[in-house]
Amino acid sequence: MVVEILVAGAPQGEVRYQVVVDGERVRVLPPGSAFKTAQVVMNSDYETFSGIASGRLSPIDALSKGMARISGDTRALYPGHGALLGADLLPPEVRARTTF
């Protein structure tokens, strides 16, 4: 399964990357990678994703409070994708360069 992340309002403009779940293996395709076709797209603003990345806000809370949205085949999020629940939605190289 592929989840595309769209972050609006980042200091460098819109940021787009993908989280790929293959069984229990999770990897991130950072901006500039050859992207795959995403089953699900999650989008929000920079402030919300900063909260998620820093651990102040869970992705589930962001979605339930209307701070983030998902589109696409949301059924793909449920069966057999437990690895996604604990996945880090921020690429390590982005986290290393980011101040929250």
Foldseek 3Di string as FASTA:
>chain_A
DKEKEWEAPDPVGIFIWIWDDDQLDIDIGGPPGDDDDHQKYKYAYPVVLVCCQVVVDPPVRCVVVVRMDMDGNCVVCDPRRPNVRPDRPDHPVVVVVDDD
